[in-house]
């Protein structure tokens, strides 16, 4: 498992207080949002996760739009965005 992906999963679990989930329980390619899919996160979770990503990785997101939604689609998508934008 990629170390960035593992760190992202740990941030998701901690920031959203998902006490019954471990990083191994989260599929890197599974959707993070949507009812009945992946983690089933909602818009409030997205705001909290965006703040946690900024605090932990120093990466910010522009206004919520279709492009931003793509970055939050899965752990893999978040990792790609963080890798491309960290330190900018």
PDB file of N, CA and C in Angstrom:
ATOM      1  N   UNK A   1       0.841  -1.184   0.000  1.00  0.00           N
ATOM      2  CA  UNK A   1       0.000   0.000   0.000  1.00  0.00           C
ATOM      3  C   UNK A   1       0.886   1.247   0.000  1.00  0.00           C
ATOM      4  N   UNK A   2       0.590   2.173  -0.876  1.00  0.00           N
ATOM      5  CA  UNK A   2       1.351   3.406  -0.996  1.00  0.00           C
ATOM      6  C   UNK A   2       1.259   4.215   0.297  1.00  0.00           C
ATOM      7  N   UNK A   3       2.380   4.786   0.724  1.00  0.00           N
ATOM      8  CA  UNK A   3       2.401   5.505   1.999  1.00  0.00           C
ATOM      9  C   UNK A   3       1.532   6.766   1.981  1.00  0.00           C
ATOM     10  N   UNK A   4       1.459   7.473   0.843  1.00  0.00           N
ATOM     11  CA  UNK A   4       0.587   8.649   0.763  1.00  0.00           C
ATOM     12  C   UNK A   4      -0.868   8.229   0.903  1.00  0.00           C
ATOM     13  N   UNK A   5      -1.245   7.157   0.226  1.00  0.00           N
ATOM     14  CA  UNK A   5      -2.621   6.666   0.336  1.00  0.00           C
ATOM     15  C   UNK A   5      -2.946   6.291   1.775  1.00  0.00           C
ATOM     16  N   UNK A   6      -2.011   5.640   2.451  1.00  0.00           N
ATOM     17  CA  UNK A   6      -2.222   5.250   3.848  1.00  0.00           C
ATOM     18  C   UNK A   6      -2.393   6.488   4.712  1.00  0.00           C
ATOM     19  N   UNK A   7      -1.571   7.505   4.507  1.00  0.00           N
ATOM     20  CA  UNK A   7      -1.681   8.747   5.279  1.00  0.00           C
ATOM     21  C   UNK A   7      -3.028   9.419   5.031  1.00  0.00           C
ATOM     22  N   UNK A   8      -3.469   9.438   3.778  1.00  0.00           N
ATOM     23  CA  UNK A   8      -4.777  10.024   3.453  1.00  0.00           C
ATOM     24  C   UNK A   8      -5.878   9.272   4.188  1.00  0.00           C
ATOM     25  N   UNK A   9      -5.818   7.963   4.184  1.00  0.00           N
ATOM     26  CA  UNK A   9      -6.825   7.159   4.886  1.00  0.00           C
ATOM     27  C   UNK A   9      -6.830   7.464   6.377  1.00  0.00           C
ATOM     28  N   UNK A  10      -5.638   7.617   6.953  1.00  0.00           N
ATOM     29  CA  UNK A  10      -5.546   7.944   8.377  1.00  0.00           C
ATOM     30  C   UNK A  10      -6.157   9.316   8.657  1.00  0.00           C
ATOM     31  N   UNK A  11      -5.936  10.274   7.763  1.00  0.00           N
ATOM     32  CA  UNK A  11      -6.522  11.608   7.913  1.00  0.00           C
ATOM     33  C   UNK A  11      -8.044  11.537   7.808  1.00  0.00           C
ATOM     34  N   UNK A  12      -8.545  10.757   6.853  1.00  0.00           N
ATOM     35  CA  UNK A  12      -9.997  10.587   6.705  1.00  0.00           C
ATOM     36  C   UNK A  12     -10.592  10.025   7.993  1.00  0.00           C
ATOM     37  N   UNK A  13      -9.993   8.969   8.498  1.00  0.00           N
ATOM     38  CA  UNK A  13     -10.506   8.302   9.702  1.00  0.00           C
ATOM     39  C   UNK A  13     -10.476   9.237  10.907  1.00  0.00           C
ATOM     40  N   UNK A  14      -9.363   9.923  11.095  1.00  0.00           N
ATOM     41  CA  UNK A  14      -9.226  10.805  12.259  1.00  0.00           C
ATOM     42  C   UNK A  14     -10.128  12.025  12.152  1.00  0.00           C
ATOM     43  N   UNK A  15     -10.104  12.705  11.007  1.00  0.00           N
ATOM     44  CA  UNK A  15     -10.856  13.955  10.877  1.00  0.00           C
ATOM     45  C   UNK A  15     -12.360  13.739  10.893  1.00  0.00           C
ATOM     46  N   UNK A  16     -12.811  12.599  10.409  1.00  0.00           N
ATOM     47  CA  UNK A  16     -14.248  12.321  10.374  1.00  0.00           C
ATOM     48  C   UNK A  16     -14.690  11.400  11.510  1.00  0.00           C
ATOM     49  N   UNK A  17     -13.746  11.085  12.395  1.00  0.00           N
ATOM     50  CA  UNK A  17     -14.022  10.258  13.573  1.00  0.00           C
ATOM     51  C   UNK A  17     -14.720   8.942  13.204  1.00  0.00           C
ATOM     52  N   UNK A  18     -14.143   8.237  12.230  1.00  0.00           N
ATOM     53  CA  UNK A  18     -14.666   6.943  11.780  1.00  0.00           C
ATOM     54  C   UNK A  18     -14.008   5.851  12.613  1.00  0.00           C
ATOM     55  N   UNK A  19     -14.475   5.688  13.822  1.00  0.00           N
ATOM     56  CA  UNK A  19     -13.824   4.840  14.812  1.00  0.00           C
ATOM     57  C   UNK A  19     -13.801   3.352  14.475  1.00  0.00           C
ATOM     58  N   UNK A  20     -14.764   2.881  13.704  1.00  0.00           N
ATOM     59  CA  UNK A  20     -14.842   1.446  13.419  1.00  0.00           C
ATOM     60  C   UNK A  20     -14.157   1.056  12.121  1.00  0.00           C
ATOM     61  N   UNK A  21     -13.392   1.970  11.548  1.00  0.00           N
ATOM     62  CA  UNK A  21     -12.751   1.720  10.257  1.00  0.00           C
ATOM     63  C   UNK A  21     -11.239   1.846  10.401  1.00  0.00           C
ATOM     64  N   UNK A  22     -10.500   0.966   9.727  1.00  0.00           N
ATOM     65  CA  UNK A  22      -9.042   1.053   9.685  1.00  0.00           C
ATOM     66  C   UNK A  22      -8.625   1.420   8.250  1.00  0.00           C
ATOM     67  N   UNK A  23      -7.396   1.884   8.060  1.00  0.00           N
ATOM     68  CA  UNK A  23      -6.949   2.180   6.688  1.00  0.00           C
ATOM     69  C   UNK A  23      -7.116   0.993   5.740  1.00  0.00           C
ATOM     70  N   UNK A  24      -6.916  -0.201   6.237  1.00  0.00           N
ATOM     71  CA  UNK A  24      -7.050  -1.396   5.391  1.00  0.00           C
ATOM     72  C   UNK A  24      -8.489  -1.617   4.917  1.00  0.00           C
ATOM     73  N   UNK A  25      -9.452  -1.049   5.643  1.00  0.00           N
ATOM     74  CA  UNK A  25     -10.862  -1.197   5.273  1.00  0.00           C
ATOM     75  C   UNK A  25     -11.269  -0.300   4.107  1.00  0.00           C
ATOM     76  N   UNK A  26     -10.452   0.693   3.798  1.00  0.00           N
ATOM     77  CA  UNK A  26     -10.794   1.653   2.756  1.00  0.00           C
ATOM     78  C   UNK A  26     -10.092   1.264   1.464  1.00  0.00           C
ATOM     79  N   UNK A  27     -10.883   0.989   0.433  1.00  0.00           N
ATOM     80  CA  UNK A  27     -10.360   0.652  -0.893  1.00  0.00           C
ATOM     81  C   UNK A  27      -9.884   1.935  -1.566  1.00  0.00           C
ATOM     82  N   UNK A  28      -8.653   1.933  -2.062  1.00  0.00           N
ATOM     83  CA  UNK A  28      -8.072   3.126  -2.683  1.00  0.00           C
ATOM     84  C   UNK A  28      -8.919   3.663  -3.840  1.00  0.00           C
ATOM     85  N   UNK A  29      -9.574   2.784  -4.566  1.00  0.00           N
ATOM     86  CA  UNK A  29     -10.329   3.193  -5.749  1.00  0.00           C
ATOM     87  C   UNK A  29     -11.820   3.366  -5.484  1.00  0.00           C
ATOM     88  N   UNK A  30     -12.285   3.015  -4.288  1.00  0.00           N
ATOM     89  CA  UNK A  30     -13.722   3.100  -3.975  1.00  0.00           C
ATOM     90  C   UNK A  30     -14.151   4.553  -3.836  1.00  0.00           C
ATOM     91  N   UNK A  31     -15.390   4.848  -4.227  1.00  0.00           N
ATOM     92  CA  UNK A  31     -15.892   6.214  -4.073  1.00  0.00           C
ATOM     93  C   UNK A  31     -15.960   6.598  -2.594  1.00  0.00           C
ATOM     94  N   UNK A  32     -15.612   7.836  -2.293  1.00  0.00           N
ATOM     95  CA  UNK A  32     -15.695   8.312  -0.918  1.00  0.00           C
ATOM     96  C   UNK A  32     -17.088   8.843  -0.601  1.00  0.00           C
ATOM     97  N   UNK A  33     -17.784   9.338  -1.624  1.00  0.00           N
ATOM     98  CA  UNK A  33     -19.083   9.970  -1.427  1.00  0.00           C
ATOM     99  C   UNK A  33     -20.182   9.210  -2.150  1.00  0.00           C
ATOM    100  N   UNK A  34     -21.417   9.415  -1.703  1.00  0.00           N
ATOM    101  CA  UNK A  34     -22.571   8.801  -2.335  1.00  0.00           C
ATOM    102  C   UNK A  34     -23.193   7.757  -1.440  1.00  0.00           C
ATOM    103  N   UNK A  35     -24.502   7.691  -1.481  1.00  0.00           N
ATOM    104  CA  UNK A  35     -25.222   6.739  -0.642  1.00  0.00           C
ATOM    105  C   UNK A  35     -25.012   5.319  -1.139  1.00  0.00           C
ATOM    106  N   UNK A  36     -24.700   4.434  -0.218  1.00  0.00           N
ATOM    107  CA  UNK A  36     -24.536   3.025  -0.551  1.00  0.00           C
ATOM    108  C   UNK A  36     -23.234   2.695  -1.265  1.00  0.00           C
ATOM    109  N   UNK A  37     -22.371   3.687  -1.466  1.00  0.00           N
ATOM    110  CA  UNK A  37     -21.110   3.452  -2.151  1.00  0.00           C
ATOM    111  C   UNK A  37     -19.953   3.775  -1.223  1.00  0.00           C
ATOM    112  N   UNK A  38     -18.868   3.059  -1.349  1.00  0.00           N
ATOM    113  CA  UNK A  38     -17.653   3.367  -0.608  1.00  0.00           C
ATOM    114  C   UNK A  38     -17.923   3.724   0.839  1.00  0.00           C
ATOM    115  N   UNK A  39     -17.396   4.883   1.261  1.00  0.00           N
ATOM    116  CA  UNK A  39     -17.595   5.324   2.640  1.00  0.00           C
ATOM    117  C   UNK A  39     -18.919   6.039   2.838  1.00  0.00           C
ATOM    118  N   UNK A  40     -19.567   6.453   1.768  1.00  0.00           N
ATOM    119  CA  UNK A  40     -20.864   7.115   1.882  1.00  0.00           C
ATOM    120  C   UNK A  40     -20.798   8.475   2.563  1.00  0.00           C
ATOM    121  N   UNK A  41     -19.712   9.217   2.336  1.00  0.00           N
ATOM    122  CA  UNK A  41     -19.554  10.523   2.957  1.00  0.00           C
ATOM    123  C   UNK A  41     -20.519  11.527   2.331  1.00  0.00           C
ATOM    124  N   UNK A  42     -20.786  12.626   3.074  1.00  0.00           N
ATOM    125  CA  UNK A  42     -21.700  13.657   2.577  1.00  0.00           C
ATOM    126  C   UNK A  42     -20.981  15.006   2.476  1.00  0.00           C
ATOM    127  N   UNK A  43     -21.732  16.055   2.167  1.00  0.00           N
ATOM    128  CA  UNK A  43     -21.129  17.374   1.937  1.00  0.00           C
ATOM    129  C   UNK A  43     -20.474  17.955   3.187  1.00  0.00           C
ATOM    130  N   UNK A  44     -21.022  17.701   4.350  1.00  0.00           N
ATOM    131  CA  UNK A  44     -20.400  18.169   5.600  1.00  0.00           C
ATOM    132  C   UNK A  44     -19.046  17.469   5.771  1.00  0.00           C
ATOM    133  N   UNK A  45     -19.010  16.174   5.489  1.00  0.00           N
ATOM    134  CA  UNK A  45     -17.754  15.428   5.552  1.00  0.00           C
ATOM    135  C   UNK A  45     -16.730  16.016   4.581  1.00  0.00           C
ATOM    136  N   UNK A  46     -17.194  16.439   3.411  1.00  0.00           N
ATOM    137  CA  UNK A  46     -16.294  17.009   2.406  1.00  0.00           C
ATOM    138  C   UNK A  46     -15.624  18.269   2.935  1.00  0.00           C
ATOM    139  N   UNK A  47     -16.386  19.113   3.604  1.00  0.00           N
ATOM    140  CA  UNK A  47     -15.815  20.339   4.176  1.00  0.00           C
ATOM    141  C   UNK A  47     -14.766  20.006   5.229  1.00  0.00           C
ATOM    142  N   UNK A  48     -15.101  19.102   6.128  1.00  0.00           N
ATOM    143  CA  UNK A  48     -14.165  18.708   7.182  1.00  0.00           C
ATOM    144  C   UNK A  48     -12.920  18.054   6.599  1.00  0.00           C
ATOM    145  N   UNK A  49     -13.121  17.216   5.599  1.00  0.00           N
ATOM    146  CA  UNK A  49     -11.989  16.533   4.965  1.00  0.00           C
ATOM    147  C   UNK A  49     -11.102  17.528   4.220  1.00  0.00           C
ATOM    148  N   UNK A  50     -11.707  18.503   3.555  1.00  0.00           N
ATOM    149  CA  UNK A  50     -10.929  19.526   2.858  1.00  0.00           C
ATOM    150  C   UNK A  50     -10.022  20.292   3.814  1.00  0.00           C
ATOM    151  N   UNK A  51     -10.546  20.621   4.991  1.00  0.00           N
ATOM    152  CA  UNK A  51      -9.756  21.319   6.006  1.00  0.00           C
ATOM    153  C   UNK A  51      -8.630  20.415   6.508  1.00  0.00           C
ATOM    154  N   UNK A  52      -8.942  19.158   6.757  1.00  0.00           N
ATOM    155  CA  UNK A  52      -7.929  18.214   7.251  1.00  0.00           C
ATOM    156  C   UNK A  52      -6.831  17.986   6.212  1.00  0.00           C
ATOM    157  N   UNK A  53      -7.202  17.927   4.941  1.00  0.00           N
ATOM    158  CA  UNK A  53      -6.205  17.753   3.874  1.00  0.00           C
ATOM    159  C   UNK A  53      -5.279  18.969   3.845  1.00  0.00           C
ATOM    160  N   UNK A  54      -5.857  20.166   3.968  1.00  0.00           N
ATOM    161  CA  UNK A  54      -5.045  21.383   3.985  1.00  0.00           C
ATOM    162  C   UNK A  54      -4.076  21.373   5.168  1.00  0.00           C
ATOM    163  N   UNK A  55      -4.571  21.016   6.354  1.00  0.00           N
ATOM    164  CA  UNK A  55      -3.736  21.007   7.553  1.00  0.00           C
ATOM    165  C   UNK A  55      -2.624  19.966   7.491  1.00  0.00           C
ATOM    166  N   UNK A  56      -2.919  18.808   6.941  1.00  0.00           N
ATOM    167  CA  UNK A  56      -1.955  17.704   6.934  1.00  0.00           C
ATOM    168  C   UNK A  56      -1.008  17.703   5.738  1.00  0.00           C
ATOM    169  N   UNK A  57      -1.458  18.230   4.607  1.00  0.00           N
ATOM    170  CA  UNK A  57      -0.652  18.139   3.384  1.00  0.00           C
ATOM    171  C   UNK A  57      -0.313  19.500   2.782  1.00  0.00           C
ATOM    172  N   UNK A  58      -0.873  20.584   3.325  1.00  0.00           N
ATOM    173  CA  UNK A  58      -0.585  21.914   2.808  1.00  0.00           C
ATOM    174  C   UNK A  58      -1.155  22.181   1.432  1.00  0.00           C
ATOM    175  N   UNK A  59      -2.224  21.478   1.095  1.00  0.00           N
ATOM    176  CA  UNK A  59      -2.849  21.597  -0.218  1.00  0.00           C
ATOM    177  C   UNK A  59      -4.248  22.179  -0.037  1.00  0.00           C
ATOM    178  N   UNK A  60      -4.589  23.147  -0.873  1.00  0.00           N
ATOM    179  CA  UNK A  60      -5.926  23.737  -0.797  1.00  0.00           C
ATOM    180  C   UNK A  60      -6.713  23.419  -2.054  1.00  0.00           C
ATOM    181  N   UNK A  61      -8.000  23.591  -1.954  1.00  0.00           N
ATOM    182  CA  UNK A  61      -8.903  23.359  -3.080  1.00  0.00           C
ATOM    183  C   UNK A  61      -9.612  24.657  -3.397  1.00  0.00           C
ATOM    184  N   UNK A  62      -9.853  24.906  -4.671  1.00  0.00           N
ATOM    185  CA  UNK A  62     -10.597  26.098  -5.062  1.00  0.00           C
ATOM    186  C   UNK A  62     -12.065  25.880  -4.719  1.00  0.00           C
ATOM    187  N   UNK A  63     -12.904  26.749  -5.165  1.00  0.00           N
ATOM    188  CA  UNK A  63     -14.323  26.616  -4.877  1.00  0.00           C
ATOM    189  C   UNK A  63     -14.836  25.249  -5.312  1.00  0.00           C
ATOM    190  N   UNK A  64     -15.899  24.840  -4.683  1.00  0.00           N
ATOM    191  CA  UNK A  64     -16.469  23.533  -5.010  1.00  0.00           C
ATOM    192  C   UNK A  64     -17.071  23.596  -6.410  1.00  0.00           C
ATOM    193  N   UNK A  65     -16.550  22.752  -7.270  1.00  0.00           N
ATOM    194  CA  UNK A  65     -17.068  22.642  -8.629  1.00  0.00           C
ATOM    195  C   UNK A  65     -16.848  21.203  -9.088  1.00  0.00           C
ATOM    196  N   UNK A  66     -17.136  20.936 -10.324  1.00  0.00           N
ATOM    197  CA  UNK A  66     -17.011  19.561 -10.831  1.00  0.00           C
ATOM    198  C   UNK A  66     -15.569  19.066 -10.745  1.00  0.00           C
ATOM    199  N   UNK A  67     -14.614  19.954 -10.990  1.00  0.00           N
ATOM    200  CA  UNK A  67     -13.200  19.569 -10.919  1.00  0.00           C
ATOM    201  C   UNK A  67     -12.809  19.174  -9.495  1.00  0.00           C
ATOM    202  N   UNK A  68     -13.267  19.946  -8.511  1.00  0.00           N
ATOM    203  CA  UNK A  68     -12.974  19.635  -7.110  1.00  0.00           C
ATOM    204  C   UNK A  68     -13.586  18.295  -6.729  1.00  0.00           C
ATOM    205  N   UNK A  69     -14.781  18.041  -7.192  1.00  0.00           N
ATOM    206  CA  UNK A  69     -15.449  16.757  -6.895  1.00  0.00           C
ATOM    207  C   UNK A  69     -14.622  15.582  -7.414  1.00  0.00           C
ATOM    208  N   UNK A  70     -13.986  15.756  -8.558  1.00  0.00           N
ATOM    209  CA  UNK A  70     -13.152  14.690  -9.127  1.00  0.00           C
ATOM    210  C   UNK A  70     -11.976  14.369  -8.196  1.00  0.00           C
ATOM    211  N   UNK A  71     -11.410  15.414  -7.568  1.00  0.00           N
ATOM    212  CA  UNK A  71     -10.271  15.206  -6.671  1.00  0.00           C
ATOM    213  C   UNK A  71     -10.679  14.436  -5.416  1.00  0.00           C
ATOM    214  N   UNK A  72     -11.933  14.554  -5.025  1.00  0.00           N
ATOM    215  CA  UNK A  72     -12.439  13.873  -3.837  1.00  0.00           C
ATOM    216  C   UNK A  72     -13.140  12.549  -4.172  1.00  0.00           C
ATOM    217  N   UNK A  73     -13.000  12.085  -5.393  1.00  0.00           N
ATOM    218  CA  UNK A  73     -13.715  10.880  -5.815  1.00  0.00           C
ATOM    219  C   UNK A  73     -13.270   9.632  -5.060  1.00  0.00           C
ATOM    220  N   UNK A  74     -11.982   9.517  -4.775  1.00  0.00           N
ATOM    221  CA  UNK A  74     -11.446   8.327  -4.119  1.00  0.00           C
ATOM    222  C   UNK A  74     -10.121   8.686  -3.449  1.00  0.00           C
ATOM    223  N   UNK A  75      -9.580   7.754  -2.702  1.00  0.00           N
ATOM    224  CA  UNK A  75      -8.262   7.956  -2.098  1.00  0.00           C
ATOM    225  C   UNK A  75      -7.222   8.135  -3.202  1.00  0.00           C
ATOM    226  N   UNK A  76      -7.308   7.344  -4.266  1.00  0.00           N
ATOM    227  CA  UNK A  76      -6.366   7.472  -5.379  1.00  0.00           C
ATOM    228  C   UNK A  76      -6.421   8.870  -5.998  1.00  0.00           C
ATOM    229  N   UNK A  77      -7.634   9.410  -6.171  1.00  0.00           N
ATOM    230  CA  UNK A  77      -7.786  10.744  -6.756  1.00  0.00           C
ATOM    231  C   UNK A  77      -7.198  11.815  -5.830  1.00  0.00           C
ATOM    232  N   UNK A  78      -7.438  11.700  -4.540  1.00  0.00           N
ATOM    233  CA  UNK A  78      -6.857  12.641  -3.580  1.00  0.00           C
ATOM    234  C   UNK A  78      -5.333  12.565  -3.600  1.00  0.00           C
ATOM    235  N   UNK A  79      -4.799  11.357  -3.645  1.00  0.00           N
ATOM    236  CA  UNK A  79      -3.343  11.180  -3.669  1.00  0.00           C
ATOM    237  C   UNK A  79      -2.737  11.818  -4.910  1.00  0.00           C
ATOM    238  N   UNK A  80      -3.376  11.663  -6.048  1.00  0.00           N
ATOM    239  CA  UNK A  80      -2.873  12.261  -7.286  1.00  0.00           C
ATOM    240  C   UNK A  80      -2.882  13.784  -7.186  1.00  0.00           C
ATOM    241  N   UNK A  81      -3.960  14.350  -6.639  1.00  0.00           N
ATOM    242  CA  UNK A  81      -4.062  15.802  -6.490  1.00  0.00           C
ATOM    243  C   UNK A  81      -3.005  16.323  -5.515  1.00  0.00           C
ATOM    244  N   UNK A  82      -2.861  15.661  -4.390  1.00  0.00           N
ATOM    245  CA  UNK A  82      -1.881  16.078  -3.385  1.00  0.00           C
ATOM    246  C   UNK A  82      -0.467  16.001  -3.963  1.00  0.00           C
ATOM    247  N   UNK A  83      -0.149  14.912  -4.643  1.00  0.00           N
ATOM    248  CA  UNK A  83       1.180  14.752  -5.247  1.00  0.00           C
ATOM    249  C   UNK A  83       1.481  15.867  -6.243  1.00  0.00           C
ATOM    250  N   UNK A  84       0.479  16.230  -7.034  1.00  0.00           N
ATOM    251  CA  UNK A  84       0.669  17.248  -8.062  1.00  0.00           C
ATOM    252  C   UNK A  84       0.726  18.665  -7.501  1.00  0.00           C
ATOM    253  N   UNK A  85       0.128  18.895  -6.335  1.00  0.00           N
ATOM    254  CA  UNK A  85      -0.010  20.256  -5.819  1.00  0.00           C
ATOM    255  C   UNK A  85       0.719  20.560  -4.531  1.00  0.00           C
ATOM    256  N   UNK A  86       1.337  19.577  -3.925  1.00  0.00           N
ATOM    257  CA  UNK A  86       2.034  19.807  -2.667  1.00  0.00           C
ATOM    258  C   UNK A  86       3.243  20.699  -2.915  1.00  0.00           C
ATOM    259  N   UNK A  87       3.400  21.712  -2.077  1.00  0.00           N
ATOM    260  CA  UNK A  87       4.533  22.607  -2.186  1.00  0.00           C
ATOM    261  C   UNK A  87       4.342  23.749  -3.174  1.00  0.00           C
ATOM    262  N   UNK A  88       3.166  23.871  -3.742  1.00  0.00           N
ATOM    263  CA  UNK A  88       2.889  24.971  -4.683  1.00  0.00           C
ATOM    264  C   UNK A  88       2.398  26.177  -3.925  1.00  0.00           C
TER     265      UNK A  88
END
